[in-house]
mmCIF file of all heavy atoms, coordinates in Angstrom:
data_MODEL
# 
_entry.id   MODEL 
# 
loop_
_atom_site.group_PDB 
_atom_site.id 
_atom_site.type_symbol 
_atom_site.label_atom_id 
_atom_site.label_alt_id 
_atom_site.label_comp_id 
_atom_site.label_asym_id 
_atom_site.label_entity_id 
_atom_site.label_seq_id 
_atom_site.pdbx_PDB_ins_code 
_atom_site.Cartn_x 
_atom_site.Cartn_y 
_atom_site.Cartn_z 
_atom_site.occupancy 
_atom_site.B_iso_or_equiv 
_atom_site.pdbx_formal_charge 
_atom_site.auth_seq_id 
_atom_site.auth_comp_id 
_atom_site.auth_asym_id 
_atom_site.auth_atom_id 
_atom_site.pdbx_PDB_model_num 
ATOM 1   N N   . VAL A 1 1  ? 32.373 18.623 4.865  1.00 0.00 ? 1  VAL A N   1 
ATOM 2   C CA  . VAL A 1 1  ? 31.969 17.548 4.004  1.00 0.00 ? 1  VAL A CA  1 
ATOM 3   C C   . VAL A 1 1  ? 30.379 17.470 4.020  1.00 0.00 ? 1  VAL A C   1 
ATOM 4   O O   . VAL A 1 1  ? 29.817 17.711 5.034  1.00 0.00 ? 1  VAL A O   1 
ATOM 5   C CB  . VAL A 1 1  ? 32.469 16.226 4.312  1.00 0.00 ? 1  VAL A CB  1 
ATOM 6   C CG1 . VAL A 1 1  ? 34.027 16.168 4.197  1.00 0.00 ? 1  VAL A CG1 1 
ATOM 7   C CG2 . VAL A 1 1  ? 32.060 15.619 5.677  1.00 0.00 ? 1  VAL A CG2 1 
ATOM 8   N N   . SER A 1 2  ? 29.887 17.182 2.848  1.00 0.00 ? 2  SER A N   1 
ATOM 9   C CA  . SER A 1 2  ? 28.390 17.163 2.733  1.00 0.00 ? 2  SER A CA  1 
ATOM 10  C C   . SER A 1 2  ? 27.869 15.720 3.345  1.00 0.00 ? 2  SER A C   1 
ATOM 11  O O   . SER A 1 2  ? 28.469 14.763 3.290  1.00 0.00 ? 2  SER A O   1 
ATOM 12  C CB  . SER A 1 2  ? 27.952 17.234 1.314  1.00 0.00 ? 2  SER A CB  1 
ATOM 13  O OG  . SER A 1 2  ? 28.573 16.253 0.536  1.00 0.00 ? 2  SER A OG  1 
ATOM 14  N N   . LEU A 1 3  ? 26.673 15.821 3.902  1.00 0.00 ? 3  LEU A N   1 
ATOM 15  C CA  . LEU A 1 3  ? 26.051 14.626 4.589  1.00 0.00 ? 3  LEU A CA  1 
ATOM 16  C C   . LEU A 1 3  ? 24.572 14.717 4.500  1.00 0.00 ? 3  LEU A C   1 
ATOM 17  O O   . LEU A 1 3  ? 23.985 15.789 4.408  1.00 0.00 ? 3  LEU A O   1 
ATOM 18  C CB  . LEU A 1 3  ? 26.564 14.451 5.946  1.00 0.00 ? 3  LEU A CB  1 
ATOM 19  C CG  . LEU A 1 3  ? 26.334 15.502 7.048  1.00 0.00 ? 3  LEU A CG  1 
ATOM 20  C CD1 . LEU A 1 3  ? 25.027 15.376 7.626  1.00 0.00 ? 3  LEU A CD1 1 
ATOM 21  C CD2 . LEU A 1 3  ? 27.401 15.451 8.056  1.00 0.00 ? 3  LEU A CD2 1 
ATOM 22  N N   . ARG A 1 4  ? 23.917 13.526 4.680  1.00 0.00 ? 4  ARG A N   1 
ATOM 23  C CA  . ARG A 1 4  ? 22.497 13.388 4.972  1.00 0.00 ? 4  ARG A CA  1 
ATOM 24  C C   . ARG A 1 4  ? 22.333 12.345 6.019  1.00 0.00 ? 4  ARG A C   1 
ATOM 25  O O   . ARG A 1 4  ? 23.112 11.510 6.234  1.00 0.00 ? 4  ARG A O   1 
ATOM 26  C CB  . ARG A 1 4  ? 21.797 12.859 3.575  1.00 0.00 ? 4  ARG A CB  1 
ATOM 27  C CG  . ARG A 1 4  ? 21.814 13.852 2.406  1.00 0.00 ? 4  ARG A CG  1 
ATOM 28  C CD  . ARG A 1 4  ? 21.025 15.122 2.597  1.00 0.00 ? 4  ARG A CD  1 
ATOM 29  N NE  . ARG A 1 4  ? 21.004 15.941 1.454  1.00 0.00 ? 4  ARG A NE  1 
ATOM 30  C CZ  . ARG A 1 4  ? 21.947 16.849 1.204  1.00 0.00 ? 4  ARG A CZ  1 
ATOM 31  N NH1 . ARG A 1 4  ? 22.891 17.119 2.074  1.00 0.00 ? 4  ARG A NH1 1 
ATOM 32  N NH2 . ARG A 1 4  ? 21.904 17.577 0.085  1.00 0.00 ? 4  ARG A NH2 1 
ATOM 33  N N   . VAL A 1 5  ? 21.115 12.584 6.642  1.00 0.00 ? 5  VAL A N   1 
ATOM 34  C CA  . VAL A 1 5  ? 20.754 11.706 7.804  1.00 0.00 ? 5  VAL A CA  1 
ATOM 35  C C   . VAL A 1 5  ? 19.393 11.103 7.551  1.00 0.00 ? 5  VAL A C   1 
ATOM 36  O O   . VAL A 1 5  ? 18.419 11.807 7.275  1.00 0.00 ? 5  VAL A O   1 
ATOM 37  C CB  . VAL A 1 5  ? 20.856 12.456 9.155  1.00 0.00 ? 5  VAL A CB  1 
ATOM 38  C CG1 . VAL A 1 5  ? 20.277 11.512 10.222 1.00 0.00 ? 5  VAL A CG1 1 
ATOM 39  C CG2 . VAL A 1 5  ? 22.233 12.858 9.450  1.00 0.00 ? 5  VAL A CG2 1 
ATOM 40  N N   . VAL A 1 6  ? 19.335 9.744  7.643  1.00 0.00 ? 6  VAL A N   1 
ATOM 41  C CA  . VAL A 1 6  ? 18.099 8.976  7.450  1.00 0.00 ? 6  VAL A CA  1 
ATOM 42  C C   . VAL A 1 6  ? 17.846 8.253  8.800  1.00 0.00 ? 6  VAL A C   1 
ATOM 43  O O   . VAL A 1 6  ? 18.681 7.457  9.195  1.00 0.00 ? 6  VAL A O   1 
ATOM 44  C CB  . VAL A 1 6  ? 18.195 8.019  6.333  1.00 0.00 ? 6  VAL A CB  1 
ATOM 45  C CG1 . VAL A 1 6  ? 16.798 7.248  6.131  1.00 0.00 ? 6  VAL A CG1 1 
ATOM 46  C CG2 . VAL A 1 6  ? 18.579 8.597  5.044  1.00 0.00 ? 6  VAL A CG2 1 
ATOM 47  N N   . LEU A 1 7  ? 16.789 8.539  9.495  1.00 0.00 ? 7  LEU A N   1 
ATOM 48  C CA  . LEU A 1 7  ? 16.528 7.926  10.792 1.00 0.00 ? 7  LEU A CA  1 
ATOM 49  C C   . LEU A 1 7  ? 15.157 7.151  10.803 1.00 0.00 ? 7  LEU A C   1 
ATOM 50  O O   . LEU A 1 7  ? 14.221 7.674  10.082 1.00 0.00 ? 7  LEU A O   1 
ATOM 51  C CB  . LEU A 1 7  ? 16.454 9.015  11.857 1.00 0.00 ? 7  LEU A CB  1 
ATOM 52  C CG  . LEU A 1 7  ? 17.804 9.695  12.191 1.00 0.00 ? 7  LEU A CG  1 
ATOM 53  C CD1 . LEU A 1 7  ? 17.531 10.657 13.368 1.00 0.00 ? 7  LEU A CD1 1 
ATOM 54  C CD2 . LEU A 1 7  ? 18.838 8.745  12.633 1.00 0.00 ? 7  LEU A CD2 1 
ATOM 55  N N   . PRO A 1 8  ? 15.052 6.152  11.597 1.00 0.00 ? 8  PRO A N   1 
ATOM 56  C CA  . PRO A 1 8  ? 13.695 5.515  11.846 1.00 0.00 ? 8  PRO A CA  1 
ATOM 57  C C   . PRO A 1 8  ? 12.843 6.457  12.717 1.00 0.00 ? 8  PRO A C   1 
ATOM 58  O O   . PRO A 1 8  ? 13.442 7.150  13.504 1.00 0.00 ? 8  PRO A O   1 
ATOM 59  C CB  . PRO A 1 8  ? 14.001 4.157  12.478 1.00 0.00 ? 8  PRO A CB  1 
ATOM 60  C CG  . PRO A 1 8  ? 15.346 4.406  13.180 1.00 0.00 ? 8  PRO A CG  1 
ATOM 61  C CD  . PRO A 1 8  ? 16.073 5.419  12.214 1.00 0.00 ? 8  PRO A CD  1 
ATOM 62  N N   . GLU A 1 9  ? 11.556 6.386  12.490 1.00 0.00 ? 9  GLU A N   1 
ATOM 63  C CA  . GLU A 1 9  ? 10.682 7.120  13.336 1.00 0.00 ? 9  GLU A CA  1 
ATOM 64  C C   . GLU A 1 9  ? 10.635 6.667  14.713 1.00 0.00 ? 9  GLU A C   1 
ATOM 65  O O   . GLU A 1 9  ? 10.734 5.493  15.010 1.00 0.00 ? 9  GLU A O   1 
ATOM 66  C CB  . GLU A 1 9  ? 9.276  7.141  12.698 1.00 0.00 ? 9  GLU A CB  1 
ATOM 67  C CG  . GLU A 1 9  ? 8.237  7.990  13.467 1.00 0.00 ? 9  GLU A CG  1 
ATOM 68  C CD  . GLU A 1 9  ? 6.867  7.912  12.776 1.00 0.00 ? 9  GLU A CD  1 
ATOM 69  O OE1 . GLU A 1 9  ? 6.542  6.871  12.265 1.00 0.00 ? 9  GLU A OE1 1 
ATOM 70  O OE2 . GLU A 1 9  ? 6.166  8.962  12.789 1.00 0.00 ? 9  GLU A OE2 1 
ATOM 71  N N   . VAL A 1 10 ? 10.579 7.596  15.662 1.00 0.00 ? 10 VAL A N   1 
ATOM 72  C CA  . VAL A 1 10 ? 10.444 7.327  17.094 1.00 0.00 ? 10 VAL A CA  1 
ATOM 73  C C   . VAL A 1 10 ? 9.195  7.923  17.698 1.00 0.00 ? 10 VAL A C   1 
ATOM 74  O O   . VAL A 1 10 ? 9.086  9.120  17.932 1.00 0.00 ? 10 VAL A O   1 
ATOM 75  C CB  . VAL A 1 10 ? 11.701 7.910  17.835 1.00 0.00 ? 10 VAL A CB  1 
ATOM 76  C CG1 . VAL A 1 10 ? 11.641 7.430  19.387 1.00 0.00 ? 10 VAL A CG1 1 
ATOM 77  C CG2 . VAL A 1 10 ? 12.976 7.467  17.267 1.00 0.00 ? 10 VAL A CG2 1 
ATOM 78  N N   . PRO A 1 11 ? 8.105  7.168  17.785 1.00 0.00 ? 11 PRO A N   1 
ATOM 79  C CA  . PRO A 1 11 ? 6.834  7.612  18.207 1.00 0.00 ? 11 PRO A CA  1 
ATOM 80  C C   . PRO A 1 11 ? 7.039  8.354  19.545 1.00 0.00 ? 11 PRO A C   1 
ATOM 81  O O   . PRO A 1 11 ? 7.703  7.839  20.446 1.00 0.00 ? 11 PRO A O   1 
ATOM 82  C CB  . PRO A 1 11 ? 5.955  6.418  18.351 1.00 0.00 ? 11 PRO A CB  1 
ATOM 83  C CG  . PRO A 1 11 ? 6.559  5.497  17.396 1.00 0.00 ? 11 PRO A CG  1 
ATOM 84  C CD  . PRO A 1 11 ? 8.046  5.683  17.402 1.00 0.00 ? 11 PRO A CD  1 
ATOM 85  N N   . ASP A 1 12 ? 6.312  9.508  19.651 1.00 0.00 ? 12 ASP A N   1 
ATOM 86  C CA  . ASP A 1 12 ? 6.259  10.290 20.906 1.00 0.00 ? 12 ASP A CA  1 
ATOM 87  C C   . ASP A 1 12 ? 7.583  10.975 21.259 1.00 0.00 ? 12 ASP A C   1 
ATOM 88  O O   . ASP A 1 12 ? 7.747  11.581 22.197 1.00 0.00 ? 12 ASP A O   1 
ATOM 89  C CB  . ASP A 1 12 ? 5.798  9.479  22.199 1.00 0.00 ? 12 ASP A CB  1 
ATOM 90  C CG  . ASP A 1 12 ? 4.445  8.929  21.870 1.00 0.00 ? 12 ASP A CG  1 
ATOM 91  O OD1 . ASP A 1 12 ? 3.596  9.610  21.275 1.00 0.00 ? 12 ASP A OD1 1 
ATOM 92  O OD2 . ASP A 1 12 ? 4.203  7.845  22.304 1.00 0.00 ? 12 ASP A OD2 1 
ATOM 93  N N   . ARG A 1 13 ? 8.588  10.778 20.389 1.00 0.00 ? 13 ARG A N   1 
ATOM 94  C CA  . ARG A 1 13 ? 9.830  11.507 20.731 1.00 0.00 ? 13 ARG A CA  1 
ATOM 95  C C   . ARG A 1 13 ? 10.488 12.152 19.450 1.00 0.00 ? 13 ARG A C   1 
ATOM 96  O O   . ARG A 1 13 ? 10.915 13.273 19.481 1.00 0.00 ? 13 ARG A O   1 
ATOM 97  C CB  . ARG A 1 13 ? 10.891 10.450 21.282 1.00 0.00 ? 13 ARG A CB  1 
ATOM 98  C CG  . ARG A 1 13 ? 12.040 11.112 21.966 1.00 0.00 ? 13 ARG A CG  1 
ATOM 99  C CD  . ARG A 1 13 ? 12.778 10.162 22.884 1.00 0.00 ? 13 ARG A CD  1 
ATOM 100 N NE  . ARG A 1 13 ? 11.937 9.679  23.989 1.00 0.00 ? 13 ARG A NE  1 
ATOM 101 C CZ  . ARG A 1 13 ? 12.319 8.849  24.854 1.00 0.00 ? 13 ARG A CZ  1 
ATOM 102 N NH1 . ARG A 1 13 ? 13.521 8.404  24.816 1.00 0.00 ? 13 ARG A NH1 1 
ATOM 103 N NH2 . ARG A 1 13 ? 11.556 8.510  25.835 1.00 0.00 ? 13 ARG A NH2 1 
ATOM 104 N N   . MET A 1 14 ? 10.490 11.437 18.311 1.00 0.00 ? 14 MET A N   1 
ATOM 105 C CA  . MET A 1 14 ? 10.796 12.137 17.069 1.00 0.00 ? 14 MET A CA  1 
ATOM 106 C C   . MET A 1 14 ? 10.091 11.387 15.979 1.00 0.00 ? 14 MET A C   1 
ATOM 107 O O   . MET A 1 14 ? 10.359 10.271 15.578 1.00 0.00 ? 14 MET A O   1 
ATOM 108 C CB  . MET A 1 14 ? 12.375 12.041 16.752 1.00 0.00 ? 14 MET A CB  1 
ATOM 109 C CG  . MET A 1 14 ? 12.660 12.799 15.546 1.00 0.00 ? 14 MET A CG  1 
ATOM 110 S SD  . MET A 1 14 ? 14.467 12.966 15.295 1.00 0.00 ? 14 MET A SD  1 
ATOM 111 C CE  . MET A 1 14 ? 14.854 11.189 15.042 1.00 0.00 ? 14 MET A CE  1 
ATOM 112 N N   . ASP A 1 15 ? 8.939  11.958 15.575 1.00 0.00 ? 15 ASP A N   1 
ATOM 113 C CA  . ASP A 1 15 ? 8.106  11.409 14.591 1.00 0.00 ? 15 ASP A CA  1 
ATOM 114 C C   . ASP A 1 15 ? 7.760  12.346 13.509 1.00 0.00 ? 15 ASP A C   1 
ATOM 115 O O   . ASP A 1 15 ? 8.333  13.436 13.449 1.00 0.00 ? 15 ASP A O   1 
ATOM 116 C CB  . ASP A 1 15 ? 6.840  10.798 15.278 1.00 0.00 ? 15 ASP A CB  1 
ATOM 117 C CG  . ASP A 1 15 ? 6.111  11.961 16.149 1.00 0.00 ? 15 ASP A CG  1 
ATOM 118 O OD1 . ASP A 1 15 ? 6.311  13.126 15.834 1.00 0.00 ? 15 ASP A OD1 1 
ATOM 119 O OD2 . ASP A 1 15 ? 5.486  11.488 17.076 1.00 0.00 ? 15 ASP A OD2 1 
ATOM 120 N N   . ARG A 1 16 ? 6.808  11.973 12.661 1.00 0.00 ? 16 ARG A N   1 
ATOM 121 C CA  . ARG A 1 16 ? 6.494  12.797 11.528 1.00 0.00 ? 16 ARG A CA  1 
ATOM 122 C C   . ARG A 1 16 ? 5.930  14.185 11.926 1.00 0.00 ? 16 ARG A C   1 
ATOM 123 O O   . ARG A 1 16 ? 6.060  15.161 11.151 1.00 0.00 ? 16 ARG A O   1 
ATOM 124 C CB  . ARG A 1 16 ? 5.519  12.052 10.645 1.00 0.00 ? 16 ARG A CB  1 
ATOM 125 C CG  . ARG A 1 16 ? 6.069  11.024 9.663  1.00 0.00 ? 16 ARG A CG  1 
ATOM 126 C CD  . ARG A 1 16 ? 5.110  10.061 9.136  1.00 0.00 ? 16 ARG A CD  1 
ATOM 127 N NE  . ARG A 1 16 ? 4.764  9.071  10.280 1.00 0.00 ? 16 ARG A NE  1 
ATOM 128 C CZ  . ARG A 1 16 ? 3.843  8.082  10.105 1.00 0.00 ? 16 ARG A CZ  1 
ATOM 129 N NH1 . ARG A 1 16 ? 3.152  8.056  8.941  1.00 0.00 ? 16 ARG A NH1 1 
ATOM 130 N NH2 . ARG A 1 16 ? 3.655  7.225  10.995 1.00 0.00 ? 16 ARG A NH2 1 
ATOM 131 N N   . GLU A 1 17 ? 5.426  14.314 13.127 1.00 0.00 ? 17 GLU A N   1 
ATOM 132 C CA  . GLU A 1 17 ? 4.828  15.608 13.512 1.00 0.00 ? 17 GLU A CA  1 
ATOM 133 C C   . GLU A 1 17 ? 5.891  16.562 14.163 1.00 0.00 ? 17 GLU A C   1 
ATOM 134 O O   . GLU A 1 17 ? 5.830  17.652 14.139 1.00 0.00 ? 17 GLU A O   1 
ATOM 135 C CB  . GLU A 1 17 ? 3.741  15.356 14.548 1.00 0.00 ? 17 GLU A CB  1 
ATOM 136 C CG  . GLU A 1 17 ? 2.453  14.870 13.941 1.00 0.00 ? 17 GLU A CG  1 
ATOM 137 C CD  . GLU A 1 17 ? 2.545  13.456 13.347 1.00 0.00 ? 17 GLU A CD  1 
ATOM 138 O OE1 . GLU A 1 17 ? 3.182  12.518 14.089 1.00 0.00 ? 17 GLU A OE1 1 
ATOM 139 O OE2 . GLU A 1 17 ? 1.989  13.195 12.308 1.00 0.00 ? 17 GLU A OE2 1 
ATOM 140 N N   . SER A 1 18 ? 6.961  15.921 14.761 1.00 0.00 ? 18 SER A N   1 
ATOM 141 C CA  . SER A 1 18 ? 7.853  16.660 15.506 1.00 0.00 ? 18 SER A CA  1 
ATOM 142 C C   . SER A 1 18 ? 9.288  16.825 14.867 1.00 0.00 ? 18 SER A C   1 
ATOM 143 O O   . SER A 1 18 ? 10.034 17.728 15.268 1.00 0.00 ? 18 SER A O   1 
ATOM 144 C CB  . SER A 1 18 ? 8.043  16.056 16.952 1.00 0.00 ? 18 SER A CB  1 
ATOM 145 O OG  . SER A 1 18 ? 8.623  14.702 16.826 1.00 0.00 ? 18 SER A OG  1 
ATOM 146 N N   . VAL A 1 19 ? 9.615  15.988 13.875 1.00 0.00 ? 19 VAL A N   1 
ATOM 147 C CA  . VAL A 1 19 ? 10.964 16.032 13.352 1.00 0.00 ? 19 VAL A CA  1 
ATOM 148 C C   . VAL A 1 19 ? 11.257 17.383 12.576 1.00 0.00 ? 19 VAL A C   1 
ATOM 149 O O   . VAL A 1 19 ? 10.300 17.988 11.979 1.00 0.00 ? 19 VAL A O   1 
ATOM 150 C CB  . VAL A 1 19 ? 11.193 14.824 12.401 1.00 0.00 ? 19 VAL A CB  1 
ATOM 151 C CG1 . VAL A 1 19 ? 10.267 14.963 11.157 1.00 0.00 ? 19 VAL A CG1 1 
ATOM 152 C CG2 . VAL A 1 19 ? 12.639 14.737 12.000 1.00 0.00 ? 19 VAL A CG2 1 
ATOM 153 N N   . THR A 1 20 ? 12.472 17.747 12.694 1.00 0.00 ? 20 THR A N   1 
ATOM 154 C CA  . THR A 1 20 ? 12.928 18.973 11.958 1.00 0.00 ? 20 THR A CA  1 
ATOM 155 C C   . THR A 1 20 ? 14.201 18.701 11.198 1.00 0.00 ? 20 THR A C   1 
ATOM 156 O O   . THR A 1 20 ? 14.801 17.613 11.449 1.00 0.00 ? 20 THR A O   1 
ATOM 157 C CB  . THR A 1 20 ? 13.047 20.162 12.836 1.00 0.00 ? 20 THR A CB  1 
ATOM 158 O OG1 . THR A 1 20 ? 14.289 20.065 13.625 1.00 0.00 ? 20 THR A OG1 1 
ATOM 159 C CG2 . THR A 1 20 ? 11.863 20.416 13.766 1.00 0.00 ? 20 THR A CG2 1 
ATOM 160 N N   . LEU A 1 21 ? 14.622 19.601 10.393 1.00 0.00 ? 21 LEU A N   1 
ATOM 161 C CA  . LEU A 1 21 ? 15.888 19.448 9.740  1.00 0.00 ? 21 LEU A CA  1 
ATOM 162 C C   . LEU A 1 21 ? 17.131 19.459 10.668 1.00 0.00 ? 21 LEU A C   1 
ATOM 163 O O   . LEU A 1 21 ? 18.244 19.105 10.274 1.00 0.00 ? 21 LEU A O   1 
ATOM 164 C CB  . LEU A 1 21 ? 16.109 20.486 8.607  1.00 0.00 ? 21 LEU A CB  1 
ATOM 165 C CG  . LEU A 1 21 ? 15.260 20.222 7.346  1.00 0.00 ? 21 LEU A CG  1 
ATOM 166 C CD1 . LEU A 1 21 ? 15.342 21.430 6.406  1.00 0.00 ? 21 LEU A CD1 1 
ATOM 167 C CD2 . LEU A 1 21 ? 15.775 18.898 6.562  1.00 0.00 ? 21 LEU A CD2 1 
ATOM 168 N N   . GLU A 1 22 ? 16.902 19.914 11.899 1.00 0.00 ? 22 GLU A N   1 
ATOM 169 C CA  . GLU A 1 22 ? 17.992 19.826 12.850 1.00 0.00 ? 22 GLU A CA  1 
ATOM 170 C C   . GLU A 1 22 ? 18.150 18.417 13.436 1.00 0.00 ? 22 GLU A C   1 
ATOM 171 O O   . GLU A 1 22 ? 19.152 18.088 14.066 1.00 0.00 ? 22 GLU A O   1 
ATOM 172 C CB  . GLU A 1 22 ? 17.625 20.710 14.017 1.00 0.00 ? 22 GLU A CB  1 
ATOM 173 C CG  . GLU A 1 22 ? 17.699 22.179 13.643 1.00 0.00 ? 22 GLU A CG  1 
ATOM 174 C CD  . GLU A 1 22 ? 17.365 23.095 14.859 1.00 0.00 ? 22 GLU A CD  1 
ATOM 175 O OE1 . GLU A 1 22 ? 17.066 22.594 15.865 1.00 0.00 ? 22 GLU A OE1 1 
ATOM 176 O OE2 . GLU A 1 22 ? 17.610 24.305 14.705 1.00 0.00 ? 22 GLU A OE2 1 
ATOM 177 N N   . ASP A 1 23 ? 17.196 17.460 13.093 1.00 0.00 ? 23 ASP A N   1 
ATOM 178 C CA  . ASP A 1 23 ? 17.160 16.116 13.534 1.00 0.00 ? 23 ASP A CA  1 
ATOM 179 C C   . ASP A 1 23 ? 17.706 15.176 12.394 1.00 0.00 ? 23 ASP A C   1 
ATOM 180 O O   . ASP A 1 23 ? 18.597 14.369 12.612 1.00 0.00 ? 23 ASP A O   1 
ATOM 181 C CB  . ASP A 1 23 ? 15.871 15.635 14.031 1.00 0.00 ? 23 ASP A CB  1 
ATOM 182 C CG  . ASP A 1 23 ? 15.345 16.439 15.164 1.00 0.00 ? 23 ASP A CG  1 
ATOM 183 O OD1 . ASP A 1 23 ? 16.051 16.601 16.196 1.00 0.00 ? 23 ASP A OD1 1 
ATOM 184 O OD2 . ASP A 1 23 ? 14.171 16.862 15.082 1.00 0.00 ? 23 ASP A OD2 1 
ATOM 185 N N   . ALA A 1 24 ? 17.099 15.302 11.204 1.00 0.00 ? 24 ALA A N   1 
ATOM 186 C CA  . ALA A 1 24 ? 17.330 14.358 10.119 1.00 0.00 ? 24 ALA A CA  1 
ATOM 187 C C   . ALA A 1 24 ? 16.865 14.986 8.876  1.00 0.00 ? 24 ALA A C   1 
ATOM 188 O O   . ALA A 1 24 ? 16.164 16.006 8.823  1.00 0.00 ? 24 ALA A O   1 
ATOM 189 C CB  . ALA A 1 24 ? 16.604 13.048 10.367 1.00 0.00 ? 24 ALA A CB  1 
ATOM 190 N N   . ASP A 1 25 ? 17.249 14.393 7.719  1.00 0.00 ? 25 ASP A N   1 
ATOM 191 C CA  . ASP A 1 25 ? 16.771 14.781 6.418  1.00 0.00 ? 25 ASP A CA  1 
ATOM 192 C C   . ASP A 1 25 ? 15.639 13.936 5.935  1.00 0.00 ? 25 ASP A C   1 
ATOM 193 O O   . ASP A 1 25 ? 14.802 14.398 5.203  1.00 0.00 ? 25 ASP A O   1 
ATOM 194 C CB  . ASP A 1 25 ? 17.939 14.682 5.378  1.00 0.00 ? 25 ASP A CB  1 
ATOM 195 C CG  . ASP A 1 25 ? 19.043 15.675 5.706  1.00 0.00 ? 25 ASP A CG  1 
ATOM 196 O OD1 . ASP A 1 25 ? 18.906 16.944 5.620  1.00 0.00 ? 25 ASP A OD1 1 
ATOM 197 O OD2 . ASP A 1 25 ? 20.149 15.134 6.140  1.00 0.00 ? 25 ASP A OD2 1 
# 
């Protein structure tokens, strides 16, 4: 089944600099 993931930013752990498509869309 098709899906998308929307997550809040997590500074120093998953943010705009470190996030990849393996984490979220």
